[in-house]
Amino acid sequence: MAKQTFTSGQTLLASQMTDLQTNDFNWSVSTQTANYTLQAADKGTREVMNMSSAGTVTVPNNTFNAGDVVWLHSIGSGAITVTAGTGLTLNSSAGTAPTLAQWEGGVVYFTSASAAIFFRGGSKSTLSVDYLLVGGGGGGGRRDTVRGAGGGAGGFKTGSAIIGKTTYTVVVGAGGSGGATSSAAGQSGTASGFINTANGGGGGGGLRGNNGASGGGAVFSTETAGTGISGEGNAGGVGDATGNHCGGGGGAGGTGGTGGATPSTGGAGGAASTNDYTGSTISYSGGGGGGSSSTGGTAGTNAGNGGSNANGSNANANRGGGGGGDGTTGGSGGNGGSGEVVIRALISDVAGLTITTTGSPTTNYPTGANGYVYWQYTATGTITLA
């Protein structure tokens, strides 16, 4: 209902009083589907903008009086800019041309016929996100008199959350070093985290495998391979009876392979898992191959191959793979790969929020109504919503 004007001595009907009371609780609403200039009749009403592309609401000069108020709301996907008409001064906390994202609103309050203030209300305070967490992979093992086993992969975990206006720490786990001293197991990787945690992979055995998100392999068939964590990875494999063909580390997509004297190969690393939150399909958290005096075990994708009568290979950085086991009798296991964290949100949901980061994540804003924006962390940092 528009603002009413009454004359001295006028008698108000009951229906008019009811209308006035109703308007106090439920203002009249007009919906606009194109660029719009406020009219004098809009005072005391709500103007709802429903536009699928960017648009404007113009606040004109010499149309309203001091104390007049107009509510503005945006329900369309197009961003709405509130602009001052010629001769009018418009101020707000967001500058002289504030914008409204979908589901945002605010009040235009006139301090005079030629000056107004826009007070924002109903702004977004949360954001729905998906996340990928990849822990650091475990290093491959070494054993002096025989060979070393493959390292277990870092944890692979996806999830969803609703985050608010605050700062969140994003931790990227480190890969474990390969065993390089007498009969040393590879070091386990460390966890990655954001809202949730993906654990580090277990180090490959200098004898038995370490437990982790995925377990490290064991040197002999009589020893125990490391166990994995349900929902993050799998167990490692064991070697043969001689210890010359060692077990592979577990991966997010499968258990580590068993080393065997026939054929004379180290156990394969457990299979990796894939994720496409960056728009490209990437393999993460493969297990390291077991070392062998003959043919080292083949690693899971982006992890380290077992040494073929040579040192174990390092896993690729930021893919969470396990390091390859040592294939000599005095060399070294390969290093596990560091982890990664990817956070994504629908680009339409990001509108109206200010998002800042540290840690130099790769950020991409693709186009399209259903596109996602993502932040790909290869080092520890933060993400802040405001």
Protein backbone atom coordinates (compact mmCIF):
# COMPACT_ATOMS: atom_id res chain seq x y z
CA MET A 1 0.00 0.00 0.00
CA ALA A 2 1.40 3.41 -0.96
CA LYS A 3 1.74 6.23 1.55
CA GLN A 4 -1.63 7.90 2.22
CA THR A 5 -2.45 11.60 2.55
CA PHE A 6 -5.38 12.81 4.69
CA THR A 7 -7.08 16.20 5.15
CA SER A 8 -8.10 17.93 8.35
CA GLY A 9 -11.47 16.74 9.61
CA GLN A 10 -11.58 13.75 7.31
CA THR A 11 -13.46 10.71 8.65
CA LEU A 12 -11.66 7.40 8.23
CA LEU A 13 -13.70 4.32 7.53
CA ALA A 14 -13.05 1.05 9.36
CA SER A 15 -11.90 -0.52 6.09
CA GLN A 16 -9.33 2.28 5.64
CA MET A 17 -8.00 1.78 9.15
CA THR A 18 -7.75 -1.96 8.50
CA ASP A 19 -5.80 -1.30 5.31
CA LEU A 20 -3.41 0.99 7.16
CA GLN A 21 -2.85 -1.57 9.91
CA THR A 22 -2.36 -4.34 7.38
CA ASN A 23 0.26 -2.28 5.58
CA ASP A 24 2.29 -1.94 8.78
CA PHE A 25 2.81 -5.71 8.72
CA ASN A 26 2.55 -6.58 5.05
CA TRP A 27 3.65 -3.82 2.68
CA SER A 28 2.27 -3.72 -0.84
CA VAL A 29 4.54 -5.49 -3.32
CA SER A 30 5.29 -4.74 -6.97
CA THR A 31 7.45 -7.05 -9.07
CA GLN A 32 9.71 -5.74 -11.83
CA THR A 33 11.30 -7.86 -14.56
CA ALA A 34 13.29 -5.09 -16.29
CA ASN A 35 15.37 -2.06 -15.29
CA TYR A 36 13.23 0.19 -13.13
CA THR A 37 13.14 3.80 -11.92
CA LEU A 38 11.41 4.34 -8.59
CA GLN A 39 8.12 6.29 -8.73
CA ALA A 40 6.54 8.57 -6.12
CA ALA A 41 3.80 5.96 -5.61
CA ASP A 42 6.44 3.44 -4.48
CA LYS A 43 7.00 5.13 -1.12
CA GLY A 44 6.09 2.77 1.69
CA THR A 45 6.07 -0.29 -0.59
CA ARG A 46 8.33 -3.18 -1.57
CA GLU A 47 9.81 -3.35 -5.05
CA VAL A 48 10.86 -6.90 -5.97
CA MET A 49 13.34 -7.29 -8.83
CA ASN A 50 13.08 -10.60 -10.69
CA MET A 51 15.69 -10.48 -13.48
CA SER A 52 17.75 -13.34 -14.91
CA SER A 53 20.51 -10.97 -16.06
CA ALA A 54 22.15 -7.90 -14.53
CA GLY A 55 19.84 -4.93 -14.03
CA THR A 56 19.42 -1.57 -12.30
CA VAL A 57 17.07 0.26 -9.98
CA THR A 58 17.41 4.03 -10.39
CA VAL A 59 16.66 6.32 -7.44
CA PRO A 60 15.44 9.61 -8.97
CA ASN A 61 15.96 13.18 -7.79
CA ASN A 62 13.11 15.41 -6.57
CA THR A 63 10.57 12.56 -6.47
CA PHE A 64 10.53 11.62 -2.79
CA ASN A 65 10.59 13.64 0.44
CA ALA A 66 12.68 13.39 3.63
CA GLY A 67 11.56 10.36 5.65
CA ASP A 68 10.20 8.40 2.71
CA VAL A 69 11.22 4.74 2.51
CA VAL A 70 11.20 2.10 -0.27
CA TRP A 71 12.15 -1.54 0.30
CA LEU A 72 14.10 -3.29 -2.49
CA HIS A 73 14.44 -7.07 -2.91
CA SER A 74 16.10 -9.24 -5.55
CA ILE A 75 14.79 -12.74 -6.25
CA GLY A 76 16.26 -13.28 -9.73
CA SER A 77 19.70 -14.64 -10.59
CA GLY A 78 20.86 -11.34 -12.12
CA ALA A 79 22.79 -8.88 -9.93
CA ILE A 80 20.86 -5.64 -9.34
CA THR A 81 22.73 -2.33 -9.04
CA VAL A 82 21.05 0.51 -7.15
CA THR A 83 22.05 3.74 -8.93
CA ALA A 84 21.47 7.43 -8.26
CA GLY A 85 19.53 9.45 -10.82
CA THR A 86 20.93 12.73 -12.08
CA GLY A 87 21.16 15.23 -9.25
CA LEU A 88 20.57 12.75 -6.42
CA THR A 89 23.23 11.73 -3.88
CA LEU A 90 23.07 8.08 -2.85
CA ASN A 91 25.25 6.70 -0.05
CA SER A 92 25.68 3.20 1.42
CA SER A 93 28.24 1.06 3.22
CA ALA A 94 29.05 -0.46 -0.19
CA GLY A 95 29.66 2.89 -1.92
CA THR A 96 27.47 4.96 -4.21
CA ALA A 97 26.25 2.05 -6.39
CA PRO A 98 25.48 -0.92 -4.12
CA THR A 99 24.48 -4.24 -5.67
CA LEU A 100 21.97 -6.88 -4.64
CA ALA A 101 22.59 -10.55 -5.31
CA GLN A 102 19.77 -13.08 -5.49
CA TRP A 103 17.79 -13.24 -2.22
CA GLU A 104 19.27 -10.00 -0.91
CA GLY A 105 17.43 -6.81 -0.07
CA GLY A 106 17.63 -3.44 1.62
CA VAL A 107 15.96 -0.07 2.29
CA VAL A 108 16.27 3.23 0.43
CA TYR A 109 15.74 5.95 3.05
CA PHE A 110 15.44 9.55 1.87
CA THR A 111 17.02 12.30 3.97
CA SER A 112 15.83 14.92 1.51
CA ALA A 113 14.37 15.12 -2.01
CA SER A 114 17.91 14.95 -3.43
CA ALA A 115 19.71 12.62 -0.98
CA ALA A 116 19.15 9.03 0.10
CA ILE A 117 20.87 6.26 2.06
CA PHE A 118 20.72 2.57 1.12
CA PHE A 119 20.74 0.29 4.16
CA ARG A 120 21.47 -3.33 3.27
CA GLY A 121 19.44 -6.07 4.93
CA GLY A 122 18.96 -9.80 4.46
CA SER A 123 22.50 -10.37 3.18
CA LYS A 124 24.00 -13.81 2.92
CA SER A 125 25.85 -15.16 5.93
CA THR A 126 26.59 -18.75 4.89
CA LEU A 127 27.93 -20.68 1.91
CA SER A 128 27.38 -24.31 0.92
CA VAL A 129 30.63 -25.97 -0.16
CA ASP A 130 31.96 -29.32 -1.28
CA TYR A 131 35.48 -30.30 -0.29
CA LEU A 132 38.17 -32.80 -1.24
CA LEU A 133 40.83 -33.70 1.33
CA VAL A 134 43.95 -35.67 0.38
CA GLY A 135 46.45 -36.52 3.11
CA GLY A 136 50.19 -36.86 2.62
CA GLY A 137 51.39 -40.26 1.41
CA GLY A 138 53.74 -42.51 3.39
CA GLY A 139 57.36 -43.00 2.33
CA GLY A 140 58.68 -46.29 0.95
CA GLY A 141 60.72 -48.57 3.23
CA ARG A 142 64.28 -49.94 3.15
CA ARG A 143 65.83 -53.09 4.59
CA ASP A 144 69.55 -53.67 4.38
CA THR A 145 69.77 -57.38 3.69
CA VAL A 146 66.72 -57.61 1.44
CA ARG A 147 64.33 -54.99 -0.07
CA GLY A 148 61.79 -52.41 1.13
CA ALA A 149 57.99 -52.21 0.90
CA GLY A 150 55.81 -49.51 -0.67
CA GLY A 151 54.28 -46.62 1.28
CA GLY A 152 50.56 -46.29 1.90
CA ALA A 153 48.56 -43.51 0.27
CA GLY A 154 47.28 -40.45 2.09
CA GLY A 155 43.61 -40.40 2.96
CA PHE A 156 41.06 -39.55 0.27
CA LYS A 157 37.88 -37.96 1.57
CA THR A 158 35.09 -35.84 0.11
CA GLY A 159 32.22 -34.11 1.87
CA SER A 160 29.88 -31.13 2.03
CA ALA A 161 29.41 -28.41 4.64
CA ILE A 162 27.79 -25.04 5.26
CA ILE A 163 30.34 -22.46 6.36
CA GLY A 164 29.74 -19.03 7.90
CA LYS A 165 31.38 -15.63 8.00
CA THR A 166 34.68 -16.39 9.69
CA THR A 167 38.19 -17.60 8.87
CA TYR A 168 38.89 -21.30 8.32
CA THR A 169 42.33 -22.92 8.37
CA VAL A 170 43.16 -25.17 5.43
CA VAL A 171 45.94 -27.67 6.18
CA VAL A 172 47.80 -29.55 3.43
CA GLY A 173 49.58 -32.63 4.74
CA ALA A 174 53.22 -33.45 4.00
CA GLY A 175 54.43 -36.66 2.41
CA GLY A 176 56.60 -38.96 4.53
CA SER A 177 60.29 -39.38 3.76
CA GLY A 178 61.47 -42.70 2.38
CA GLY A 179 63.50 -44.97 4.63
CA ALA A 180 67.21 -44.18 4.17
CA THR A 181 68.94 -45.74 7.16
CA SER A 182 69.45 -49.32 8.25
CA SER A 183 66.19 -51.32 7.98
CA ALA A 184 64.09 -48.16 8.30
CA ALA A 185 60.41 -47.99 7.52
CA GLY A 186 59.28 -45.00 5.51
CA GLN A 187 57.86 -42.17 7.55
CA SER A 188 54.10 -41.83 7.60
CA GLY A 189 52.48 -38.82 5.89
CA THR A 190 50.61 -36.13 7.81
CA ALA A 191 46.93 -35.22 7.70
CA SER A 192 45.17 -32.60 5.58
CA GLY A 193 42.19 -30.75 6.95
CA PHE A 194 39.32 -28.33 6.35
CA ILE A 195 36.14 -28.86 8.39
CA ASN A 196 37.12 -32.55 8.37
CA THR A 197 40.40 -34.51 8.24
CA ALA A 198 42.08 -36.91 5.81
CA ASN A 199 44.87 -38.80 7.57
CA GLY A 200 48.38 -39.43 6.33
CA GLY A 201 49.40 -42.71 4.73
CA GLY A 202 51.39 -45.34 6.61
CA GLY A 203 55.08 -45.72 5.85
CA GLY A 204 56.25 -48.75 3.90
CA GLY A 205 57.97 -51.44 5.91
CA GLY A 206 61.61 -51.91 6.61
CA LEU A 207 59.99 -55.01 8.07
CA ARG A 208 56.26 -54.59 8.74
CA GLY A 209 54.04 -51.83 7.34
CA ASN A 210 52.81 -48.84 9.31
CA ASN A 211 49.10 -48.20 9.77
CA GLY A 212 47.61 -45.09 8.21
CA ALA A 213 44.83 -43.81 5.98
CA SER A 214 46.16 -46.55 3.70
CA GLY A 215 48.61 -49.02 5.19
CA GLY A 216 52.23 -49.47 4.21
CA GLY A 217 53.40 -52.76 2.71
CA ALA A 218 55.38 -55.42 4.57
CA VAL A 219 58.75 -56.92 3.54
CA PHE A 220 58.09 -60.63 4.27
CA SER A 221 55.04 -62.84 3.91
CA THR A 222 55.29 -63.62 7.62
CA GLU A 223 55.04 -59.94 8.65
CA THR A 224 51.96 -57.73 8.94
CA ALA A 225 51.09 -55.03 6.43
CA GLY A 226 49.69 -51.75 7.70
CA THR A 227 45.93 -51.38 7.96
CA GLY A 228 43.90 -48.61 6.34
CA ILE A 229 41.11 -46.40 7.69
CA SER A 230 37.61 -47.12 6.45
CA GLY A 231 36.38 -44.35 4.19
CA GLU A 232 39.89 -43.11 3.45
CA GLY A 233 42.00 -45.99 2.13
CA ASN A 234 43.00 -49.64 2.24
CA ALA A 235 45.54 -52.03 3.71
CA GLY A 236 49.00 -52.66 2.31
CA GLY A 237 50.23 -55.96 0.88
CA VAL A 238 52.89 -58.38 2.10
CA GLY A 239 56.08 -59.59 0.43
CA ASP A 240 57.27 -63.09 -0.37
CA ALA A 241 59.07 -65.44 2.00
CA THR A 242 62.54 -64.23 0.94
CA GLY A 243 61.90 -60.49 1.36
CA ASN A 244 63.34 -59.82 -2.10
CA HIS A 245 59.94 -58.96 -3.58
CA CYS A 246 58.08 -56.77 -1.11
CA GLY A 247 54.47 -55.74 -0.64
CA GLY A 248 52.87 -52.67 -2.17
CA GLY A 249 51.29 -49.87 -0.14
CA GLY A 250 47.53 -49.57 0.04
CA GLY A 251 45.68 -46.98 -2.05
CA ALA A 252 42.37 -45.16 -1.75
CA GLY A 253 40.96 -47.36 -4.53
CA GLY A 254 42.37 -50.76 -3.54
CA THR A 255 44.66 -52.81 -1.32
CA GLY A 256 48.38 -53.13 -1.91
CA GLY A 257 49.57 -56.10 -3.95
CA THR A 258 51.54 -59.09 -2.70
CA GLY A 259 55.17 -59.52 -3.75
CA GLY A 260 55.86 -62.89 -5.36
CA ALA A 261 58.91 -64.93 -6.32
CA THR A 262 57.10 -66.14 -9.45
CA PRO A 263 57.05 -63.82 -11.24
CA SER A 264 59.88 -61.99 -9.50
CA THR A 265 58.14 -58.67 -8.89
CA GLY A 266 57.31 -56.41 -6.02
CA GLY A 267 53.68 -55.98 -5.07
CA ALA A 268 51.72 -53.35 -6.97
CA GLY A 269 50.60 -50.23 -5.17
CA GLY A 270 46.90 -49.98 -4.42
CA ALA A 271 44.78 -48.17 -7.00
CA ALA A 272 44.19 -44.42 -6.79
CA SER A 273 40.81 -42.68 -6.64
CA THR A 274 39.71 -39.82 -8.88
CA ASN A 275 38.03 -36.45 -8.37
CA ASP A 276 36.90 -33.69 -10.75
CA TYR A 277 36.22 -30.69 -8.47
CA THR A 278 38.72 -28.60 -10.46
CA GLY A 279 36.96 -29.39 -13.73
CA SER A 280 39.61 -31.97 -14.67
CA THR A 281 39.67 -35.59 -13.51
CA ILE A 282 42.73 -36.09 -11.28
CA SER A 283 43.98 -39.32 -9.66
CA TYR A 284 44.88 -39.11 -5.97
CA SER A 285 46.09 -41.42 -3.20
CA GLY A 286 47.66 -44.30 -5.09
CA GLY A 287 49.81 -46.79 -3.16
CA GLY A 288 53.58 -47.07 -3.60
CA GLY A 289 54.98 -50.14 -5.34
CA GLY A 290 57.02 -52.70 -3.43
CA GLY A 291 60.77 -52.92 -4.03
CA SER A 292 62.26 -55.98 -5.75
CA SER A 293 65.64 -57.44 -6.63
CA SER A 294 64.19 -57.94 -10.11
CA THR A 295 61.14 -55.88 -11.12
CA GLY A 296 59.72 -53.31 -8.75
CA GLY A 297 55.99 -53.15 -8.15
CA THR A 298 53.97 -50.75 -10.29
CA ALA A 299 52.55 -47.89 -8.25
CA GLY A 300 49.01 -46.59 -8.21
CA THR A 301 48.62 -43.49 -10.41
CA ASN A 302 50.82 -40.56 -9.26
CA ALA A 303 52.53 -42.68 -6.57
CA GLY A 304 56.13 -43.97 -6.57
CA ASN A 305 57.12 -47.20 -8.30
CA GLY A 306 59.03 -49.81 -6.35
CA GLY A 307 62.75 -49.93 -7.11
CA SER A 308 63.89 -52.56 -9.62
CA ASN A 309 67.23 -53.38 -7.95
CA ALA A 310 67.36 -49.59 -7.47
CA ASN A 311 66.08 -46.95 -5.09
CA GLY A 312 62.33 -46.52 -4.79
CA SER A 313 60.73 -43.68 -6.77
CA ASN A 314 59.22 -40.58 -5.21
CA ALA A 315 55.47 -39.98 -5.51
CA ASN A 316 54.23 -36.89 -7.35
CA ALA A 317 53.67 -33.75 -5.28
CA ASN A 318 50.14 -32.88 -4.12
CA ARG A 319 48.60 -36.18 -5.15
CA GLY A 320 48.92 -38.00 -1.82
CA GLY A 321 50.61 -41.11 -3.25
CA GLY A 322 52.87 -43.51 -1.37
CA GLY A 323 56.60 -43.70 -2.07
CA GLY A 324 58.14 -46.74 -3.78
CA GLY A 325 59.99 -49.36 -1.73
CA ASP A 326 63.78 -49.67 -2.01
CA GLY A 327 64.87 -52.37 -4.47
CA THR A 328 68.50 -52.55 -3.34
CA THR A 329 70.14 -53.81 -0.16
CA GLY A 330 71.24 -50.42 1.12
CA GLY A 331 69.58 -47.68 -0.92
CA SER A 332 66.46 -45.71 0.02
CA GLY A 333 62.73 -45.77 -0.33
CA GLY A 334 60.91 -43.08 -2.29
CA ASN A 335 59.25 -40.10 -0.59
CA GLY A 336 55.49 -39.97 -0.26
CA GLY A 337 53.60 -37.25 -2.12
CA SER A 338 52.21 -34.22 -0.32
CA GLY A 339 48.44 -33.83 -0.03
CA GLU A 340 45.95 -31.35 -1.41
CA VAL A 341 42.67 -29.64 -0.46
CA VAL A 342 40.04 -28.47 -2.95
CA ILE A 343 37.01 -26.44 -1.92
CA ARG A 344 34.24 -25.61 -4.38
CA ALA A 345 30.90 -23.78 -4.36
CA LEU A 346 28.26 -22.94 -6.91
CA ILE A 347 29.19 -19.62 -8.47
CA SER A 348 25.60 -18.44 -8.06
CA ASP A 349 25.88 -19.04 -4.29
CA VAL A 350 29.07 -16.98 -3.98
CA ALA A 351 27.34 -13.78 -5.15
CA GLY A 352 26.97 -11.33 -2.28
CA LEU A 353 29.91 -12.72 -0.28
CA THR A 354 33.48 -11.49 -0.05
CA ILE A 355 35.94 -14.40 -0.02
CA THR A 356 39.67 -13.99 0.63
CA THR A 357 42.41 -16.59 0.95
CA THR A 358 46.00 -17.09 2.03
CA GLY A 359 48.34 -19.87 0.98
CA SER A 360 48.09 -18.95 -2.73
CA PRO A 361 45.46 -21.49 -3.79
CA THR A 362 44.66 -21.81 -7.48
CA THR A 363 41.27 -20.17 -7.97
CA ASN A 364 39.00 -20.41 -10.98
CA TYR A 365 35.63 -18.82 -11.66
CA PRO A 366 34.13 -20.71 -14.62
CA THR A 367 31.16 -19.28 -16.48
CA GLY A 368 27.68 -20.72 -16.67
CA ALA A 369 24.62 -20.66 -14.46
CA ASN A 370 25.49 -24.03 -12.90
CA GLY A 371 29.26 -23.57 -12.82
CA TYR A 372 31.44 -23.93 -9.73
CA VAL A 373 34.18 -21.75 -8.38
CA TYR A 374 37.00 -23.68 -6.69
CA TRP A 375 40.03 -23.06 -4.50
CA GLN A 376 42.81 -25.66 -4.93
CA TYR A 377 45.30 -25.62 -2.04
CA THR A 378 48.74 -27.17 -2.50
CA ALA A 379 50.06 -25.53 0.67
CA THR A 380 48.55 -24.67 4.05
CA GLY A 381 46.52 -21.45 4.14
CA THR A 382 43.15 -19.96 5.08
CA ILE A 383 39.80 -19.08 3.54
CA THR A 384 37.70 -16.22 4.94
CA LEU A 385 34.06 -15.36 4.28
CA ALA A 386 32.84 -11.82 4.93
